Protein backbone atom coordinates (compact mmCIF):
# COMPACT_ATOMS: atom_id res chain seq x y z
CA MET A 1 -23.00 -35.71 -31.41
CA ALA A 2 -20.15 -34.15 -29.36
CA SER A 3 -16.76 -35.78 -29.69
CA PRO A 4 -15.12 -37.43 -26.63
CA THR A 5 -12.47 -34.71 -26.63
CA TRP A 6 -15.06 -31.94 -26.56
CA ARG A 7 -16.94 -33.69 -23.73
CA LEU A 8 -13.71 -33.84 -21.72
CA VAL A 9 -13.05 -30.12 -22.33
CA SER A 10 -16.62 -29.28 -21.30
CA LEU A 11 -16.30 -31.38 -18.15
CA ALA A 12 -13.02 -29.66 -17.23
CA LEU A 13 -14.60 -26.22 -17.68
CA CYS A 14 -17.60 -27.21 -15.53
CA LEU A 15 -15.37 -28.61 -12.79
CA GLY A 16 -13.26 -25.43 -12.85
CA ALA A 17 -16.33 -23.22 -12.54
CA LEU A 18 -17.66 -25.43 -9.72
CA ALA A 19 -14.36 -25.14 -7.84
CA VAL A 20 -14.45 -21.33 -8.08
CA PHE A 21 -18.10 -21.28 -6.96
CA GLN A 22 -17.39 -23.54 -3.98
CA ALA A 23 -14.41 -21.38 -3.04
CA ALA A 24 -16.64 -18.32 -3.23
CA ARG A 25 -19.06 -19.88 -0.74
CA GLY A 26 -16.18 -19.94 1.74
CA ALA A 27 -14.91 -16.48 0.80
CA ASP A 28 -16.29 -14.92 3.99
CA ALA A 29 -13.97 -17.15 6.04
CA ALA A 30 -10.95 -16.27 3.93
CA ARG A 31 -11.41 -12.52 3.83
CA ALA A 32 -10.50 -10.78 0.60
CA PHE A 33 -7.89 -8.02 0.67
CA PHE A 34 -7.55 -5.09 -1.73
CA VAL A 35 -4.61 -2.69 -1.90
CA PHE A 36 -4.37 0.75 -3.52
CA GLY A 37 -1.61 3.32 -3.51
CA ASP A 38 2.05 3.92 -4.22
CA SER A 39 5.46 2.24 -3.98
CA LEU A 40 5.11 1.52 -0.26
CA VAL A 41 2.48 -1.08 -1.16
CA ASP A 42 3.07 -1.87 -4.87
CA ASN A 43 3.87 -5.58 -5.20
CA GLY A 44 4.65 -5.73 -8.89
CA ASN A 45 2.15 -3.87 -11.06
CA ASN A 46 4.87 -1.59 -12.40
CA ASN A 47 6.77 -4.66 -13.63
CA TYR A 48 4.24 -4.71 -16.48
CA LEU A 49 4.72 -1.04 -17.40
CA ILE A 50 7.42 0.89 -19.24
CA THR A 51 8.39 3.18 -16.39
CA ALA A 52 11.40 4.24 -14.33
CA ALA A 53 9.48 3.44 -11.12
CA ARG A 54 10.28 -0.27 -10.94
CA ALA A 55 11.80 -2.67 -8.43
CA ASP A 56 12.10 -5.80 -10.54
CA SER A 57 15.90 -6.03 -10.60
CA PRO A 58 18.40 -7.18 -7.96
CA PRO A 59 19.18 -6.48 -5.21
CA TYR A 60 15.46 -5.86 -4.59
CA GLY A 61 13.97 -9.03 -3.14
CA ILE A 62 17.34 -10.28 -1.91
CA ASP A 63 15.78 -11.75 1.24
CA THR A 64 12.79 -13.46 -0.39
CA PRO A 65 12.97 -17.29 -0.31
CA ASP A 66 14.22 -17.45 -3.91
CA HIS A 67 16.17 -14.15 -3.68
CA ARG A 68 14.19 -12.81 -6.64
CA ALA A 69 13.15 -9.22 -7.29
CA THR A 70 9.35 -9.23 -7.33
CA GLY A 71 8.53 -5.56 -7.89
CA ARG A 72 8.26 -4.80 -4.18
CA PHE A 73 10.35 -1.85 -3.05
CA SER A 74 11.94 -3.88 -0.28
CA ASN A 75 14.56 -6.47 0.47
CA GLY A 76 11.67 -8.84 1.21
CA LYS A 77 8.05 -8.45 2.20
CA ASN A 78 6.12 -5.20 2.31
CA VAL A 79 3.21 -4.10 4.52
CA PRO A 80 0.42 -5.77 2.47
CA ASP A 81 2.29 -9.10 2.51
CA ILE A 82 2.56 -9.01 6.28
CA ILE A 83 -1.10 -8.01 6.72
CA SER A 84 -2.00 -11.02 4.54
CA GLU A 85 -0.07 -13.21 6.98
CA HIS A 86 -2.25 -11.90 9.81
CA LEU A 87 -5.37 -12.57 7.72
CA GLY A 88 -4.19 -16.16 7.25
CA ALA A 89 -4.18 -15.67 3.50
CA GLU A 90 -1.70 -15.86 0.66
CA PRO A 91 -0.34 -12.53 -0.59
CA VAL A 92 -2.62 -10.83 -3.09
CA LEU A 93 -1.40 -10.71 -6.66
CA PRO A 94 -0.78 -7.53 -8.67
CA TYR A 95 -3.87 -6.72 -10.73
CA LEU A 96 -1.82 -6.68 -13.93
CA SER A 97 -0.42 -10.16 -13.28
CA PRO A 98 -1.64 -12.76 -15.78
CA GLU A 99 -1.81 -15.19 -12.83
CA LEU A 100 -4.72 -13.25 -11.30
CA ASP A 101 -7.57 -15.40 -12.55
CA GLY A 102 -10.06 -17.96 -11.35
CA HIS A 103 -9.93 -18.79 -7.64
CA LYS A 104 -6.93 -16.45 -7.18
CA MET A 105 -9.34 -13.54 -7.63
CA LEU A 106 -11.17 -14.54 -4.45
CA VAL A 107 -8.09 -13.63 -2.42
CA GLY A 108 -8.30 -10.01 -3.61
CA ALA A 109 -5.96 -7.90 -5.70
CA ASN A 110 -3.26 -5.27 -5.41
CA PHE A 111 -3.82 -2.23 -7.66
CA ALA A 112 -0.97 -0.07 -6.30
CA SER A 113 1.61 1.55 -8.54
CA ALA A 114 4.91 3.14 -7.53
CA GLY A 115 5.12 6.88 -8.10
CA VAL A 116 1.45 7.79 -7.84
CA GLY A 117 -0.18 10.30 -5.53
CA ILE A 118 -3.56 11.73 -4.69
CA LEU A 119 -3.16 14.30 -7.48
CA ASN A 120 -2.97 13.26 -11.11
CA ASP A 121 0.08 15.44 -11.79
CA THR A 122 2.07 13.71 -9.04
CA GLY A 123 4.64 11.31 -10.48
CA ILE A 124 4.50 12.59 -14.05
CA GLN A 125 8.30 12.29 -14.20
CA PHE A 126 7.87 8.49 -14.04
CA ALA A 127 5.79 8.55 -17.23
CA ASN A 128 3.75 5.34 -17.32
CA ILE A 129 2.23 4.63 -13.89
CA ILE A 130 -1.25 3.66 -12.73
CA HIS A 131 -2.75 6.83 -11.27
CA ILE A 132 -5.32 6.38 -8.52
CA ALA A 133 -8.29 7.11 -10.82
CA THR A 134 -7.15 4.23 -13.02
CA GLN A 135 -6.61 1.99 -9.98
CA LEU A 136 -10.25 2.56 -9.07
CA ARG A 137 -11.34 1.82 -12.63
CA TYR A 138 -9.38 -1.42 -12.44
CA PHE A 139 -11.24 -2.22 -9.20
CA GLU A 140 -14.53 -1.84 -11.08
CA GLN A 141 -13.14 -4.03 -13.85
CA TYR A 142 -12.07 -6.63 -11.27
CA GLN A 143 -15.62 -6.76 -9.88
CA LYS A 144 -17.07 -7.34 -13.35
CA ARG A 145 -14.57 -10.15 -13.97
CA LEU A 146 -15.36 -11.76 -10.63
CA SER A 147 -19.12 -11.41 -11.20
CA ALA A 148 -18.74 -13.44 -14.39
CA LEU A 149 -17.25 -16.24 -12.26
CA ILE A 150 -19.35 -16.24 -9.09
CA GLY A 151 -22.27 -13.91 -9.78
CA ALA A 152 -23.01 -10.31 -8.87
CA GLU A 153 -24.45 -11.04 -5.41
CA ALA A 154 -21.47 -13.11 -4.26
CA THR A 155 -19.08 -10.50 -5.66
CA SER A 156 -20.84 -7.70 -3.79
CA ARG A 157 -20.71 -9.75 -0.58
CA LEU A 158 -17.00 -10.46 -1.05
CA VAL A 159 -16.13 -6.79 -1.69
CA ARG A 160 -18.23 -5.46 1.19
CA GLY A 161 -16.64 -7.99 3.53
CA ALA A 162 -13.10 -7.31 2.36
CA LEU A 163 -10.29 -5.44 4.05
CA VAL A 164 -8.91 -2.53 2.02
CA LEU A 165 -5.58 -0.72 2.42
CA ILE A 166 -4.86 2.60 0.71
CA THR A 167 -1.51 4.39 0.91
CA LEU A 168 -1.24 7.80 -0.74
CA GLY A 169 0.04 11.29 0.02
CA GLY A 170 3.80 11.10 0.45
CA ASN A 171 4.51 11.50 -3.25
CA ASP A 172 2.27 14.57 -3.41
CA PHE A 173 4.90 16.30 -1.28
CA VAL A 174 8.20 14.60 -2.17
CA ASN A 175 7.51 14.13 -5.89
CA ASN A 176 5.34 17.17 -6.50
CA TYR A 177 5.24 20.17 -4.14
CA TYR A 178 8.88 19.82 -3.04
CA LEU A 179 10.22 18.02 -6.11
CA VAL A 180 12.15 21.05 -7.30
CA PRO A 181 12.56 24.57 -5.88
CA TYR A 182 9.70 26.80 -6.95
CA SER A 183 7.69 23.88 -8.33
CA ALA A 184 4.45 24.65 -10.14
CA ARG A 185 2.35 23.56 -7.17
CA SER A 186 4.44 25.53 -4.66
CA ARG A 187 3.97 28.64 -6.78
CA GLU A 188 0.23 27.96 -6.98
CA PHE A 189 -0.39 27.17 -3.30
CA SER A 190 0.99 28.03 0.12
CA LEU A 191 1.64 24.85 2.09
CA PRO A 192 -1.57 25.11 4.19
CA ASP A 193 -3.63 25.71 1.06
CA TYR A 194 -1.93 22.83 -0.73
CA VAL A 195 -2.71 20.47 2.16
CA SER A 196 -6.36 21.59 1.99
CA TYR A 197 -6.44 20.98 -1.77
CA VAL A 198 -4.82 17.54 -1.54
CA LEU A 199 -7.22 16.44 1.20
CA SER A 200 -10.24 17.72 -0.72
CA GLU A 201 -9.15 15.52 -3.63
CA TYR A 202 -8.52 12.59 -1.29
CA ALA A 203 -12.06 12.91 0.08
CA HIS A 204 -13.41 12.29 -3.45
CA ILE A 205 -11.17 9.22 -3.83
CA LEU A 206 -12.28 7.72 -0.52
CA GLU A 207 -15.94 8.40 -1.29
CA HIS A 208 -15.50 6.68 -4.66
CA LEU A 209 -13.94 3.69 -2.90
CA TYR A 210 -16.97 3.56 -0.61
CA ASP A 211 -19.31 3.76 -3.59
CA LEU A 212 -17.48 0.77 -5.09
CA GLY A 213 -18.35 -1.30 -2.02
CA ALA A 214 -15.41 -0.85 0.38
CA ARG A 215 -16.58 -1.00 4.01
CA ARG A 216 -13.33 -1.49 5.97
CA VAL A 217 -10.56 0.77 4.74
CA LEU A 218 -7.17 1.25 6.38
CA VAL A 219 -5.90 4.70 5.36
CA GLN A 220 -2.20 5.29 5.87
CA GLY A 221 -1.06 8.83 6.62
CA VAL A 222 2.16 10.40 5.41
CA GLY A 223 5.31 9.08 7.06
CA PRO A 224 8.38 11.01 8.20
CA ILE A 225 9.18 12.24 4.70
CA GLY A 226 11.87 14.61 5.97
CA CYS A 227 13.80 11.71 7.53
CA VAL A 228 14.16 9.34 4.59
CA PRO A 229 17.76 8.90 3.36
CA ALA A 230 16.99 10.57 0.01
CA GLU A 231 16.00 13.79 1.77
CA LEU A 232 18.83 13.58 4.30
CA ALA A 233 21.27 13.32 1.40
CA LEU A 234 19.89 16.54 -0.05
CA HIS A 235 19.13 18.61 3.03
CA SER A 236 20.93 17.31 6.14
CA LEU A 237 24.51 17.69 7.33
CA ASP A 238 24.26 15.49 10.42
CA GLY A 239 21.29 13.18 9.88
CA THR A 240 18.74 15.59 11.31
CA CYS A 241 15.39 15.37 9.55
CA ASP A 242 14.49 18.14 7.11
CA PRO A 243 12.19 20.50 9.06
CA GLU A 244 10.19 21.76 6.08
CA LEU A 245 9.18 18.30 4.90
CA GLN A 246 8.40 17.28 8.48
CA ARG A 247 6.25 20.39 8.81
CA ALA A 248 4.26 19.26 5.78
CA ALA A 249 3.66 15.81 7.27
CA ASP A 250 2.73 17.29 10.65
CA MET A 251 0.26 19.64 8.97
CA TYR A 252 -1.28 16.95 6.77
CA ASN A 253 -1.72 13.99 9.13
CA PRO A 254 -4.05 15.49 11.79
CA ARG A 255 -6.24 16.92 9.07
CA LEU A 256 -6.39 13.52 7.36
CA MET A 257 -7.58 11.97 10.62
CA ALA A 258 -10.24 14.68 10.93
CA LEU A 259 -11.36 13.97 7.36
CA LEU A 260 -11.73 10.25 8.16
CA GLN A 261 -13.82 11.08 11.23
CA ASP A 262 -16.08 13.24 9.06
CA LEU A 263 -16.47 10.47 6.50
CA ASN A 264 -17.27 7.92 9.20
CA ALA A 265 -19.89 10.24 10.69
CA ARG A 266 -21.44 10.65 7.24
CA HIS A 267 -21.61 6.92 6.60
CA GLY A 268 -22.62 5.92 10.12
CA GLY A 269 -19.82 3.54 11.05
CA ASP A 270 -16.09 3.01 11.37
CA VAL A 271 -15.51 2.43 7.67
CA PHE A 272 -12.22 4.35 7.55
CA VAL A 273 -9.43 3.55 9.98
CA GLY A 274 -6.54 6.02 10.04
CA VAL A 275 -2.96 4.83 10.46
CA ASN A 276 -0.49 7.41 11.78
CA MET A 277 2.56 6.27 9.82
CA LYS A 278 4.70 9.16 10.98
CA ARG A 279 4.08 8.32 14.63
CA ILE A 280 4.88 4.66 14.01
CA HIS A 281 8.15 5.48 12.23
CA ASP A 282 9.11 8.11 14.78
CA ASP A 283 9.59 5.44 17.45
CA PHE A 284 12.46 3.73 15.69
CA ILE A 285 13.79 6.85 13.99
CA ASP A 286 14.12 8.62 17.34
CA ASP A 287 15.67 5.60 19.09
CA PRO A 288 16.67 2.93 16.56
CA LYS A 289 18.76 0.92 19.01
CA ALA A 290 15.74 0.37 21.26
CA TYR A 291 14.20 -1.56 18.37
CA GLY A 292 17.35 -3.47 17.42
CA PHE A 293 18.41 -1.23 14.53
CA ALA A 294 21.93 0.07 14.05
CA THR A 295 20.84 3.08 12.01
CA ALA A 296 17.73 4.99 10.97
CA THR A 297 19.54 7.46 8.74
CA GLU A 298 21.58 5.30 6.33
CA ALA A 299 19.87 3.29 3.61
CA CYS A 300 20.97 -0.31 3.22
CA CYS A 301 21.15 -0.03 -0.57
CA GLY A 302 22.27 3.10 -2.40
CA GLN A 303 25.22 5.39 -2.79
CA GLY A 304 26.48 8.79 -1.70
CA ARG A 305 25.57 10.59 1.51
CA PHE A 306 23.48 8.43 3.84
CA ASN A 307 23.44 5.91 0.97
CA GLY A 308 20.44 7.95 -0.13
CA MET A 309 21.43 9.16 -3.58
CA GLY A 310 20.33 7.56 -6.82
CA LEU A 311 18.74 4.17 -7.35
CA CYS A 312 19.32 0.84 -5.62
CA THR A 313 21.06 -1.32 -8.22
CA MET A 314 23.62 -4.12 -8.50
CA VAL A 315 26.43 -1.56 -8.40
CA SER A 316 25.11 0.16 -5.25
CA SER A 317 26.67 -0.08 -1.82
CA LEU A 318 24.71 -2.88 -0.13
CA CYS A 319 24.66 -3.60 3.61
CA ALA A 320 25.29 -7.13 4.85
CA ASP A 321 22.69 -7.16 7.63
CA ARG A 322 19.37 -5.81 6.37
CA ASP A 323 17.71 -6.37 9.74
CA SER A 324 19.86 -3.68 11.33
CA TYR A 325 18.57 -0.96 8.97
CA VAL A 326 15.27 0.91 9.12
CA PHE A 327 15.51 1.90 5.46
CA TRP A 328 16.16 -0.52 2.63
CA ASP A 329 16.67 2.11 -0.08
CA ALA A 330 16.43 5.90 -0.29
CA PHE A 331 12.68 5.94 0.54
CA HIS A 332 11.40 2.52 1.60
CA PRO A 333 11.64 0.44 4.80
CA THR A 334 13.28 -2.94 5.17
CA GLU A 335 11.13 -6.01 5.74
CA ARG A 336 12.02 -5.95 9.44
CA ALA A 337 10.85 -2.33 9.73
CA ASN A 338 7.68 -3.27 7.85
CA ARG A 339 7.01 -6.01 10.40
CA LEU A 340 7.31 -3.51 13.25
CA ILE A 341 4.94 -1.18 11.38
CA VAL A 342 2.33 -3.93 11.00
CA GLN A 343 2.67 -4.79 14.71
CA GLN A 344 1.30 -1.31 15.40
CA PHE A 345 -1.46 -1.87 12.83
CA MET A 346 -2.45 -4.96 14.76
CA SER A 347 -2.12 -3.86 18.38
CA GLY A 348 -1.30 -0.16 18.50
CA SER A 349 -3.16 2.34 20.65
CA VAL A 350 -5.28 5.16 19.16
CA GLU A 351 -2.09 7.21 19.08
CA TYR A 352 -0.99 4.96 16.22
CA ILE A 353 -4.22 3.75 14.63
CA ALA A 354 -7.73 5.08 15.17
CA PRO A 355 -10.55 4.63 15.96
CA MET A 356 -9.36 1.05 16.62
CA ASN A 357 -6.48 -1.24 15.72
CA LEU A 358 -6.67 -3.98 13.13
CA SER A 359 -6.95 -6.82 15.69
CA THR A 360 -10.06 -5.14 17.05
CA VAL A 361 -11.44 -4.59 13.55
CA LEU A 362 -10.96 -8.26 12.68
CA ALA A 363 -12.54 -9.43 15.95
CA ILE A 364 -15.60 -7.19 15.53
CA ASP A 365 -16.08 -8.21 11.92
CA LEU A 366 -15.73 -11.91 12.76
CA GLN A 367 -18.37 -11.55 15.46
CA LYS A 368 -20.72 -9.83 12.98
CA GLN A 369 -20.12 -12.60 10.46
CA GLN A 370 -20.88 -15.30 13.05
CA LEU A 371 -24.14 -13.55 14.01
CA ARG A 372 -25.18 -13.50 10.34
CA THR A 373 -24.54 -17.23 10.03
């Protein structure tokens, strides 16, 4: 006969499983969110790795409620956090977080890792990072874990109904092709051929994501990589963006959009939504004061020219008013800039996000869900 203690343990386990199952029944209402990519969207996976690509020390996170560095490359929230606000959901946890378990898994997961790119040799200088192939393997692993909790059918429904964000490409230029003069990739490829190669690899990644169940995928293009403070510190005398890096972004982004159109035509729907990150940034880089910024060339946290040299640390020069800066550190936007970016996700014209903005996506998907129920 079972002991009273064992009966209590069994009851607790049953109640926990029931709570997860009941939460899963309402998972369509609280849409899951999955994030893949690099440091622009990493929210702490690299905290669990031995790597130089980390943001888990002050002054990162200085403007979070508890002023704690979380692993986000920002003074506060990043783009996925702000999208979660618009979804009416809590921020998704890093996949490597031990807290990602039980009902927390129904919210989704963030698989992103600072330093990664589309190509496996991008970011090798950071040593231990989660390359995109591994991120996708973790996504498969996540689905198996969730299936053990709520069943395979409910898991498939949750994944197919989820919103997905993927942010890759910038590091393939900044931390690969242009990392050093006469880099291995620049000796192997001309820039047009390199763009073709990178996009051919990206097509395989996006197809794999589709095969894993993703049906609404926001795909961020490459931002104004020649205008970030790190590149200005190296290449600019007066704050003018580096023309070669800008040329790479301008060559890559239209071809990415064309690739997404081809993929959508193949799959018979608007699965992939392209976000023109360079166009979004250009607005407040070209005229920062119109958006309430004092500068779009200086980083808030750093050292040297344009505050764009080296890492953001406790001994760095730190601005007092983060809201007046477009860039938090040498590469990444401030929370306020991230909020302006997400505004364009939500309501931007096709010049910024195509074939439709995120508000339209959410409205269409809600209508489809209501028709099913």
